[in-house]
Amino acid sequence: MSKRVIYREYTISSTPVHLSGKEEWKPEIEISSEHEGIVTSRPYTDETTHPTEEAADAHGIQLGQDIIEGRAPELSVNYDEKEPFNATTPFTERM
């Protein structure tokens, strides 16, 4: 199961990963944004595991929303990994 959600002008794409040899799923997402015709994206994951693909999918979407909102401080950084994630220009590099 894969899920794609538009949230505050971003696309959050969730593709849960089944852990080999276990009955557990790990959320993996990609947050993308388009600015002046250029699409930029960044993958994110955390170490949380879930018993079902659906639960990992739901957690991944919530994780993406939390990153965009700055509620996941260890993950909420700009593409250059130096500045806090800025919801107006998340992937623009600073000079």
Protein backbone atom coordinates (compact mmCIF):
# COMPACT_ATOMS: atom_id res chain seq x y z
CA MET A 1 0.00 0.00 0.00
CA SER A 2 1.32 3.42 -0.90
CA LYS A 3 -0.33 6.67 -0.06
CA ARG A 4 0.14 10.17 -1.41
CA VAL A 5 -1.23 13.21 0.41
CA ILE A 6 -1.06 16.92 -0.41
CA TYR A 7 -0.40 18.91 2.77
CA ARG A 8 0.30 22.66 2.85
CA GLU A 9 1.57 22.71 -0.74
CA TYR A 10 3.78 19.65 -0.23
CA THR A 11 3.32 16.12 -1.43
CA ILE A 12 3.90 13.46 1.21
CA SER A 13 4.43 10.05 -0.39
CA SER A 14 4.35 7.09 1.98
CA THR A 15 5.75 3.68 1.04
CA PRO A 16 5.96 1.41 4.10
CA VAL A 17 8.73 -1.20 4.13
CA HIS A 18 8.20 -4.77 5.33
CA LEU A 19 11.04 -5.82 7.62
CA SER A 20 12.54 -9.08 6.41
CA GLY A 21 11.78 -12.07 8.59
CA LYS A 22 9.45 -10.10 10.85
CA GLU A 23 5.79 -9.25 10.93
CA GLU A 24 6.63 -5.56 11.22
CA TRP A 25 6.45 -2.57 8.93
CA LYS A 26 8.53 0.60 9.01
CA PRO A 27 7.26 3.95 7.69
CA GLU A 28 9.24 5.55 4.89
CA ILE A 29 8.15 8.80 3.29
CA GLU A 30 9.28 11.41 0.83
CA ILE A 31 8.29 15.06 1.08
CA SER A 32 8.40 16.97 -2.18
CA SER A 33 7.78 20.55 -3.18
CA GLU A 34 7.67 22.42 -6.47
CA HIS A 35 9.15 25.90 -6.75
CA GLU A 36 9.42 27.71 -10.10
CA GLY A 37 8.94 24.46 -12.00
CA ILE A 38 11.64 22.55 -10.12
CA VAL A 39 10.54 19.65 -7.95
CA THR A 40 12.74 18.88 -4.96
CA SER A 41 12.22 16.00 -2.58
CA ARG A 42 13.72 14.51 0.54
CA PRO A 43 13.26 11.03 2.07
CA TYR A 44 12.51 10.57 5.76
CA THR A 45 12.04 7.61 8.07
CA ASP A 46 12.09 6.84 11.75
CA GLU A 47 12.71 3.68 13.73
CA THR A 48 9.09 3.12 14.75
CA THR A 49 7.71 -0.25 13.64
CA HIS A 50 4.09 -1.27 13.21
CA PRO A 51 2.28 -4.61 13.01
CA THR A 52 0.51 -3.72 9.75
CA GLU A 53 1.31 -1.92 6.52
CA GLU A 54 -1.73 0.31 7.01
CA ALA A 55 -0.54 1.44 10.45
CA ALA A 56 2.95 2.22 9.10
CA ASP A 57 1.35 4.15 6.22
CA ALA A 58 -0.78 6.24 8.59
CA HIS A 59 2.24 6.91 10.83
CA GLY A 60 4.31 7.95 7.80
CA ILE A 61 1.73 10.51 6.67
CA GLN A 62 1.51 11.91 10.21
CA LEU A 63 5.31 12.00 10.38
CA GLY A 64 5.40 14.05 7.17
CA GLN A 65 2.85 16.49 8.54
CA ASP A 66 4.82 16.78 11.79
CA ILE A 67 8.05 17.48 9.87
CA ILE A 68 6.35 20.20 7.81
CA GLU A 69 4.89 21.75 10.97
CA GLY A 70 8.24 21.59 12.80
CA ARG A 71 6.93 19.14 15.40
CA ALA A 72 9.66 16.57 14.68
CA PRO A 73 12.75 18.62 15.61
CA GLU A 74 15.25 15.83 14.96
CA LEU A 75 13.92 15.52 11.39
CA SER A 76 12.56 19.00 10.67
CA VAL A 77 15.52 20.50 8.84
CA ASN A 78 15.94 22.06 5.44
CA TYR A 79 17.35 20.12 2.54
CA ASP A 80 20.83 21.42 3.39
CA GLU A 81 20.40 20.02 6.94
CA LYS A 82 21.50 23.29 8.54
CA GLU A 83 18.41 25.44 8.82
CA PRO A 84 15.07 24.53 10.41
CA PHE A 85 12.48 23.24 7.96
CA ASN A 86 10.73 26.33 6.56
CA ALA A 87 7.23 25.61 5.34
CA THR A 88 7.33 28.45 2.81
CA THR A 89 10.59 27.44 1.10
CA PRO A 90 11.64 24.06 2.53
CA PHE A 91 14.27 23.02 0.02
CA THR A 92 15.82 26.34 -0.94
CA GLU A 93 19.49 26.45 -0.12
CA ARG A 94 20.68 29.45 1.85
CA MET A 95 23.60 31.51 0.60
